[in-house]
N, C-alpha and C. Protein backbone atom coordinates (compact mmCIF):
# COMPACT_ATOMS: atom_id res chain seq x y z
N MET A 1 -93.46 199.55 70.17
CA MET A 1 -92.75 198.85 69.13
C MET A 1 -93.58 198.69 67.86
N VAL A 2 -94.89 198.55 67.99
CA VAL A 2 -95.74 198.37 66.83
C VAL A 2 -95.67 199.59 65.92
N VAL A 3 -95.68 200.79 66.50
CA VAL A 3 -95.62 202.01 65.70
C VAL A 3 -94.30 202.07 64.96
N LEU A 4 -93.21 201.74 65.60
CA LEU A 4 -91.90 201.76 64.96
C LEU A 4 -91.85 200.76 63.82
N ALA A 5 -92.39 199.56 64.01
CA ALA A 5 -92.40 198.55 62.96
C ALA A 5 -93.21 199.03 61.76
N CYS A 6 -94.32 199.68 62.02
CA CYS A 6 -95.15 200.20 60.94
C CYS A 6 -94.39 201.27 60.16
N ALA A 7 -93.74 202.18 60.87
CA ALA A 7 -93.03 203.27 60.22
C ALA A 7 -91.85 202.76 59.41
N VAL A 8 -91.15 201.76 59.91
CA VAL A 8 -89.98 201.23 59.22
C VAL A 8 -90.38 200.39 58.02
N SER A 9 -91.39 199.56 58.16
CA SER A 9 -91.70 198.61 57.09
C SER A 9 -92.40 199.24 55.89
N MET A 10 -93.39 200.10 56.09
CA MET A 10 -94.11 200.62 54.93
C MET A 10 -94.70 202.00 55.16
N GLY A 11 -94.48 202.59 56.28
CA GLY A 11 -95.16 203.84 56.58
C GLY A 11 -96.59 203.52 56.93
N CYS A 12 -97.16 204.21 57.85
CA CYS A 12 -98.48 203.86 58.35
C CYS A 12 -99.60 204.48 57.54
N ASN A 13 -99.29 205.35 56.63
CA ASN A 13 -100.32 206.04 55.87
C ASN A 13 -100.67 205.25 54.61
N ARG A 14 -101.82 204.64 54.56
CA ARG A 14 -102.23 203.83 53.43
C ARG A 14 -102.50 204.69 52.19
N ASP A 15 -102.69 205.99 52.36
CA ASP A 15 -102.92 206.86 51.22
C ASP A 15 -101.63 207.46 50.68
N ASP A 16 -100.49 207.01 51.18
CA ASP A 16 -99.19 207.52 50.76
C ASP A 16 -98.98 207.22 49.28
N ASP A 17 -98.71 208.28 48.48
CA ASP A 17 -98.55 208.07 47.04
C ASP A 17 -97.19 207.49 46.69
N SER A 18 -96.34 207.22 47.67
CA SER A 18 -95.03 206.65 47.36
C SER A 18 -95.06 205.12 47.36
N ILE A 19 -96.21 204.52 47.61
CA ILE A 19 -96.31 203.06 47.67
C ILE A 19 -95.96 202.45 46.31
N GLN A 20 -96.45 203.00 45.23
CA GLN A 20 -96.15 202.50 43.90
C GLN A 20 -95.54 203.60 43.06
N GLN A 21 -94.73 203.20 42.11
CA GLN A 21 -94.12 204.12 41.16
C GLN A 21 -94.83 204.00 39.81
N VAL A 22 -94.83 205.06 39.04
CA VAL A 22 -95.33 205.00 37.67
C VAL A 22 -94.47 203.99 36.93
N PRO A 23 -95.08 203.06 36.18
CA PRO A 23 -94.29 202.05 35.47
C PRO A 23 -93.24 202.68 34.56
N ASN A 24 -92.06 202.10 34.56
CA ASN A 24 -90.98 202.57 33.70
C ASN A 24 -91.07 201.86 32.37
N VAL A 25 -91.78 202.47 31.43
CA VAL A 25 -92.02 201.89 30.12
C VAL A 25 -90.96 202.43 29.16
N PRO A 26 -90.32 201.56 28.38
CA PRO A 26 -89.33 202.05 27.41
C PRO A 26 -89.95 203.03 26.41
N VAL A 27 -89.27 204.15 26.22
CA VAL A 27 -89.73 205.18 25.29
C VAL A 27 -88.57 205.59 24.40
N ASN A 28 -88.79 205.60 23.09
CA ASN A 28 -87.81 206.09 22.13
C ASN A 28 -88.60 206.53 20.90
N ILE A 29 -89.05 207.79 20.92
CA ILE A 29 -89.95 208.35 19.91
C ILE A 29 -89.28 209.57 19.29
N THR A 30 -89.37 209.69 17.97
CA THR A 30 -88.89 210.90 17.29
C THR A 30 -90.08 211.52 16.55
N VAL A 31 -90.27 212.82 16.78
CA VAL A 31 -91.34 213.54 16.09
C VAL A 31 -90.72 214.62 15.21
N SER A 32 -91.26 214.76 14.02
CA SER A 32 -90.83 215.78 13.09
C SER A 32 -91.71 217.01 13.30
N ILE A 33 -91.15 218.03 13.90
CA ILE A 33 -91.93 219.20 14.30
C ILE A 33 -92.49 219.95 13.09
N GLY A 34 -91.92 219.75 11.92
CA GLY A 34 -92.40 220.41 10.71
C GLY A 34 -93.70 219.83 10.18
N LEU A 35 -94.08 218.63 10.62
CA LEU A 35 -95.33 218.03 10.16
C LEU A 35 -96.53 218.71 10.80
N PRO A 36 -97.65 218.84 10.07
CA PRO A 36 -98.84 219.51 10.62
C PRO A 36 -99.32 218.92 11.95
N LEU A 37 -99.20 217.62 12.13
CA LEU A 37 -99.63 216.97 13.36
C LEU A 37 -98.91 217.53 14.59
N PHE A 38 -97.67 217.95 14.41
CA PHE A 38 -96.86 218.44 15.53
C PHE A 38 -96.67 219.96 15.50
N ALA A 39 -97.47 220.66 14.69
CA ALA A 39 -97.36 222.11 14.53
C ALA A 39 -97.39 222.89 15.85
N PRO A 40 -98.16 222.47 16.87
CA PRO A 40 -98.14 223.24 18.12
C PRO A 40 -96.74 223.36 18.75
N LEU A 41 -95.84 222.45 18.41
CA LEU A 41 -94.49 222.49 18.98
C LEU A 41 -93.56 223.43 18.22
N GLN A 42 -94.06 224.10 17.19
CA GLN A 42 -93.20 224.99 16.40
C GLN A 42 -92.83 226.27 17.16
N ASN A 43 -93.59 226.60 18.20
CA ASN A 43 -93.32 227.83 18.96
C ASN A 43 -93.27 227.55 20.46
N PRO A 44 -92.43 228.29 21.19
CA PRO A 44 -92.42 228.15 22.65
C PRO A 44 -93.82 228.35 23.22
N GLY A 45 -94.16 227.53 24.21
CA GLY A 45 -95.49 227.57 24.82
C GLY A 45 -96.44 226.58 24.20
N GLY A 46 -96.04 225.96 23.09
CA GLY A 46 -96.88 224.97 22.44
C GLY A 46 -96.73 223.60 23.08
N TRP A 47 -97.77 222.81 22.97
CA TRP A 47 -97.74 221.47 23.56
C TRP A 47 -98.57 220.51 22.72
N ILE A 48 -98.26 219.22 22.87
CA ILE A 48 -99.03 218.16 22.25
C ILE A 48 -99.06 216.97 23.20
N THR A 49 -99.99 216.06 22.96
CA THR A 49 -99.96 214.77 23.66
C THR A 49 -99.79 213.71 22.58
N ILE A 50 -98.99 212.70 22.91
CA ILE A 50 -98.74 211.60 21.99
C ILE A 50 -98.86 210.28 22.73
N GLN A 51 -98.97 209.21 21.98
CA GLN A 51 -99.00 207.88 22.57
C GLN A 51 -97.59 207.51 23.02
N GLY A 52 -97.53 206.68 24.05
CA GLY A 52 -96.25 206.21 24.55
C GLY A 52 -96.24 206.25 26.06
N GLY A 53 -95.20 205.71 26.64
CA GLY A 53 -95.10 205.68 28.09
C GLY A 53 -96.18 204.83 28.70
N SER A 54 -96.56 205.15 29.91
CA SER A 54 -97.58 204.38 30.62
C SER A 54 -98.99 204.82 30.27
N GLN A 55 -99.23 206.14 30.28
CA GLN A 55 -100.58 206.67 30.02
C GLN A 55 -100.57 207.74 28.93
N GLY A 56 -99.53 207.74 28.10
CA GLY A 56 -99.38 208.78 27.09
C GLY A 56 -98.33 209.77 27.55
N ILE A 57 -97.94 210.66 26.66
CA ILE A 57 -96.88 211.63 26.94
C ILE A 57 -97.36 213.01 26.56
N VAL A 58 -97.08 214.00 27.40
CA VAL A 58 -97.31 215.39 27.05
C VAL A 58 -95.95 216.02 26.78
N VAL A 59 -95.85 216.71 25.64
CA VAL A 59 -94.61 217.36 25.24
C VAL A 59 -94.87 218.86 25.20
N TYR A 60 -93.98 219.63 25.83
CA TYR A 60 -94.14 221.09 25.93
C TYR A 60 -92.87 221.76 25.44
N ARG A 61 -93.01 222.79 24.61
CA ARG A 61 -91.84 223.54 24.13
C ARG A 61 -91.61 224.72 25.05
N ILE A 62 -90.53 224.65 25.80
CA ILE A 62 -90.19 225.69 26.77
C ILE A 62 -89.57 226.90 26.09
N GLY A 63 -88.63 226.67 25.19
CA GLY A 63 -87.93 227.75 24.50
C GLY A 63 -87.48 227.28 23.12
N PRO A 64 -86.68 228.08 22.43
CA PRO A 64 -86.27 227.73 21.06
C PRO A 64 -85.65 226.33 20.93
N ASP A 65 -84.83 225.94 21.88
CA ASP A 65 -84.15 224.64 21.82
C ASP A 65 -84.43 223.78 23.04
N GLN A 66 -85.46 224.11 23.82
CA GLN A 66 -85.71 223.41 25.08
C GLN A 66 -87.14 222.87 25.12
N PHE A 67 -87.23 221.56 25.42
CA PHE A 67 -88.51 220.87 25.49
C PHE A 67 -88.61 220.11 26.80
N ALA A 68 -89.84 219.82 27.21
CA ALA A 68 -90.09 218.96 28.36
C ALA A 68 -91.09 217.90 27.93
N ALA A 69 -90.89 216.67 28.40
CA ALA A 69 -91.79 215.57 28.07
C ALA A 69 -92.07 214.77 29.34
N PHE A 70 -93.35 214.55 29.63
CA PHE A 70 -93.76 213.86 30.85
C PHE A 70 -94.81 212.80 30.55
N ASP A 71 -94.74 211.72 31.33
CA ASP A 71 -95.79 210.71 31.26
C ASP A 71 -97.06 211.32 31.82
N ARG A 72 -98.20 210.98 31.23
CA ARG A 72 -99.48 211.52 31.69
C ARG A 72 -100.07 210.72 32.85
N HIS A 73 -99.34 209.75 33.35
CA HIS A 73 -99.78 208.91 34.47
C HIS A 73 -99.65 209.71 35.77
N CYS A 74 -100.75 209.97 36.44
CA CYS A 74 -100.73 210.70 37.70
C CYS A 74 -99.92 209.93 38.74
N THR A 75 -99.15 210.65 39.54
CA THR A 75 -98.27 210.02 40.53
C THR A 75 -98.95 209.76 41.86
N PHE A 76 -100.22 210.09 42.00
CA PHE A 76 -100.95 209.81 43.23
C PHE A 76 -101.81 208.58 43.01
N ARG A 77 -101.69 207.61 43.91
CA ARG A 77 -102.42 206.34 43.78
C ARG A 77 -102.26 205.76 42.38
N VAL A 78 -101.02 205.49 42.05
CA VAL A 78 -100.62 205.03 40.72
C VAL A 78 -101.46 203.86 40.23
N GLU A 79 -101.85 202.99 41.16
CA GLU A 79 -102.62 201.79 40.78
C GLU A 79 -103.97 202.12 40.14
N ASN A 80 -104.47 203.35 40.32
CA ASN A 80 -105.75 203.74 39.73
C ASN A 80 -105.63 204.08 38.25
N MET A 81 -104.39 204.16 37.74
CA MET A 81 -104.13 204.43 36.31
C MET A 81 -104.76 205.75 35.84
N CYS A 82 -104.70 206.77 36.68
CA CYS A 82 -105.26 208.08 36.33
C CYS A 82 -104.39 208.76 35.27
N ARG A 83 -105.04 209.44 34.34
CA ARG A 83 -104.34 210.13 33.26
C ARG A 83 -104.63 211.63 33.35
N ILE A 84 -103.57 212.42 33.34
CA ILE A 84 -103.72 213.87 33.37
C ILE A 84 -103.93 214.39 31.94
N ASP A 85 -104.65 215.51 31.84
CA ASP A 85 -104.88 216.19 30.57
C ASP A 85 -104.46 217.64 30.72
N VAL A 86 -103.93 218.21 29.65
CA VAL A 86 -103.52 219.62 29.69
C VAL A 86 -104.75 220.49 29.84
N ASP A 87 -104.65 221.44 30.75
CA ASP A 87 -105.72 222.41 30.98
C ASP A 87 -105.61 223.47 29.88
N GLU A 88 -106.54 223.46 28.96
CA GLU A 88 -106.47 224.37 27.81
C GLU A 88 -106.73 225.83 28.19
N ASP A 89 -107.15 226.09 29.41
CA ASP A 89 -107.30 227.47 29.88
C ASP A 89 -105.95 228.07 30.24
N THR A 90 -105.02 227.24 30.72
CA THR A 90 -103.71 227.75 31.13
C THR A 90 -102.60 227.38 30.14
N ASN A 91 -102.72 226.23 29.50
CA ASN A 91 -101.71 225.68 28.60
C ASN A 91 -100.36 225.42 29.26
N VAL A 92 -100.28 225.48 30.57
CA VAL A 92 -99.03 225.14 31.28
C VAL A 92 -99.28 224.22 32.46
N THR A 93 -100.53 223.81 32.65
CA THR A 93 -100.83 222.86 33.72
C THR A 93 -101.58 221.67 33.15
N ALA A 94 -101.44 220.56 33.86
CA ALA A 94 -102.16 219.34 33.50
C ALA A 94 -102.95 218.92 34.73
N VAL A 95 -104.18 218.48 34.52
CA VAL A 95 -105.08 218.19 35.63
C VAL A 95 -105.77 216.84 35.46
N ASP A 96 -106.20 216.32 36.57
CA ASP A 96 -107.10 215.18 36.60
C ASP A 96 -107.97 215.38 37.83
N HIS A 97 -109.11 216.05 37.62
CA HIS A 97 -109.99 216.36 38.74
C HIS A 97 -110.84 215.16 39.17
N ASP A 98 -111.08 214.23 38.27
CA ASP A 98 -111.99 213.12 38.56
C ASP A 98 -111.33 211.92 39.22
N CYS A 99 -110.08 211.66 38.93
CA CYS A 99 -109.45 210.43 39.39
C CYS A 99 -108.40 210.68 40.48
N CYS A 100 -107.35 211.42 40.18
CA CYS A 100 -106.31 211.63 41.20
C CYS A 100 -106.37 213.01 41.84
N GLU A 101 -107.25 213.87 41.33
CA GLU A 101 -107.52 215.18 41.93
C GLU A 101 -106.27 216.01 42.14
N SER A 102 -105.38 216.02 41.14
CA SER A 102 -104.12 216.76 41.25
C SER A 102 -103.89 217.62 40.01
N VAL A 103 -103.06 218.65 40.18
CA VAL A 103 -102.68 219.56 39.11
C VAL A 103 -101.16 219.59 39.06
N PHE A 104 -100.60 219.48 37.85
CA PHE A 104 -99.15 219.47 37.65
C PHE A 104 -98.74 220.54 36.66
N SER A 105 -97.52 221.04 36.77
CA SER A 105 -96.93 221.92 35.76
C SER A 105 -96.42 221.06 34.61
N ILE A 106 -96.69 221.44 33.36
CA ILE A 106 -96.11 220.70 32.24
C ILE A 106 -94.78 221.31 31.81
N VAL A 107 -94.33 222.33 32.52
CA VAL A 107 -93.01 222.91 32.27
C VAL A 107 -91.94 222.10 33.00
N ASP A 108 -92.24 221.73 34.28
CA ASP A 108 -91.25 220.98 35.06
C ASP A 108 -91.82 219.73 35.74
N GLY A 109 -93.12 219.47 35.58
CA GLY A 109 -93.72 218.25 36.09
C GLY A 109 -94.08 218.24 37.56
N VAL A 110 -93.83 219.33 38.28
CA VAL A 110 -94.08 219.34 39.72
C VAL A 110 -95.57 219.46 40.02
N PRO A 111 -96.02 218.81 41.11
CA PRO A 111 -97.41 218.94 41.51
C PRO A 111 -97.67 220.34 42.07
N LEU A 112 -98.76 220.96 41.66
CA LEU A 112 -99.11 222.31 42.10
C LEU A 112 -100.27 222.31 43.08
N GLU A 113 -101.19 221.36 42.91
CA GLU A 113 -102.37 221.26 43.78
C GLU A 113 -102.75 219.80 43.91
N GLY A 114 -103.49 219.50 44.97
CA GLY A 114 -104.02 218.16 45.15
C GLY A 114 -103.13 217.28 46.01
N PRO A 115 -103.49 216.03 46.11
CA PRO A 115 -102.77 215.13 47.01
C PRO A 115 -101.43 214.61 46.45
N ALA A 116 -101.20 214.69 45.15
CA ALA A 116 -99.93 214.19 44.60
C ALA A 116 -98.76 214.99 45.15
N ARG A 117 -97.70 214.27 45.53
CA ARG A 117 -96.50 214.93 46.06
C ARG A 117 -95.29 214.71 45.16
N ARG A 118 -95.34 213.70 44.33
CA ARG A 118 -94.21 213.42 43.44
C ARG A 118 -94.46 214.02 42.07
N PRO A 119 -93.41 214.48 41.40
CA PRO A 119 -93.57 215.03 40.05
C PRO A 119 -93.92 213.94 39.05
N LEU A 120 -94.40 214.37 37.91
CA LEU A 120 -94.67 213.45 36.81
C LEU A 120 -93.36 212.81 36.36
N ARG A 121 -93.45 211.58 35.81
CA ARG A 121 -92.25 210.91 35.27
C ARG A 121 -91.79 211.68 34.04
N ARG A 122 -90.53 212.11 34.09
CA ARG A 122 -89.96 212.91 33.01
C ARG A 122 -89.18 212.03 32.05
N TYR A 123 -89.30 212.35 30.76
CA TYR A 123 -88.51 211.69 29.73
C TYR A 123 -87.46 212.66 29.22
N GLN A 124 -86.36 212.12 28.76
CA GLN A 124 -85.29 212.92 28.16
C GLN A 124 -85.76 213.42 26.80
N THR A 125 -85.25 214.58 26.40
CA THR A 125 -85.53 215.10 25.06
C THR A 125 -84.23 215.56 24.42
N MET A 126 -84.16 215.40 23.10
CA MET A 126 -83.00 215.88 22.34
C MET A 126 -83.54 216.51 21.05
N TYR A 127 -83.30 217.81 20.90
CA TYR A 127 -83.79 218.53 19.74
C TYR A 127 -82.70 218.61 18.68
N ASN A 128 -83.03 218.24 17.44
CA ASN A 128 -82.12 218.34 16.31
C ASN A 128 -82.58 219.50 15.45
N VAL A 129 -81.89 220.62 15.57
CA VAL A 129 -82.29 221.83 14.86
C VAL A 129 -82.14 221.66 13.35
N ASN A 130 -81.19 220.84 12.90
CA ASN A 130 -80.94 220.67 11.46
C ASN A 130 -82.14 220.07 10.73
N ASN A 131 -82.79 219.08 11.34
CA ASN A 131 -83.95 218.49 10.66
C ASN A 131 -85.26 218.76 11.43
N ASN A 132 -85.21 219.67 12.40
CA ASN A 132 -86.38 220.10 13.15
C ASN A 132 -87.15 218.90 13.74
N SER A 133 -86.39 218.01 14.39
CA SER A 133 -87.02 216.84 14.99
C SER A 133 -86.69 216.77 16.49
N LEU A 134 -87.55 216.12 17.21
CA LEU A 134 -87.38 215.97 18.64
C LEU A 134 -87.42 214.50 18.99
N ARG A 135 -86.38 214.06 19.68
CA ARG A 135 -86.35 212.68 20.17
C ARG A 135 -86.76 212.69 21.65
N ILE A 136 -87.66 211.80 22.01
CA ILE A 136 -88.13 211.63 23.38
C ILE A 136 -87.77 210.21 23.78
N TYR A 137 -87.05 210.08 24.90
CA TYR A 137 -86.54 208.75 25.27
C TYR A 137 -86.27 208.66 26.76
N ASN A 138 -86.01 207.40 27.21
CA ASN A 138 -85.57 207.20 28.59
C ASN A 138 -84.37 206.27 28.60
């Protein structure tokens, strides 16, 4: 009975990354892609990091009208407040080798390596082609 109680109440694995969720911080940011600060987003494959969310946001341009935006807060052992950084060798992965020891895709947020099993927290994006701006929100 003890094993069943453990499994039902919280799972017996203390290293389970599902114990805490990345904080749901309100986000409503608009960036003007024509400004020099956001120039990397002018072409598919470009990315930037901006302030916002729990640990910052990484924004990636997938295609002409398609963007992805993710919180940089690692989903493994959320309480450690680990922040992922884009791997400039690949430009499509984000890593945190020192804190959460995980690698994520910045195209879809899924974990690729390491102990993290949950994807990065994704934010909605809306691209306005008329004024070349991107809204990031939840």
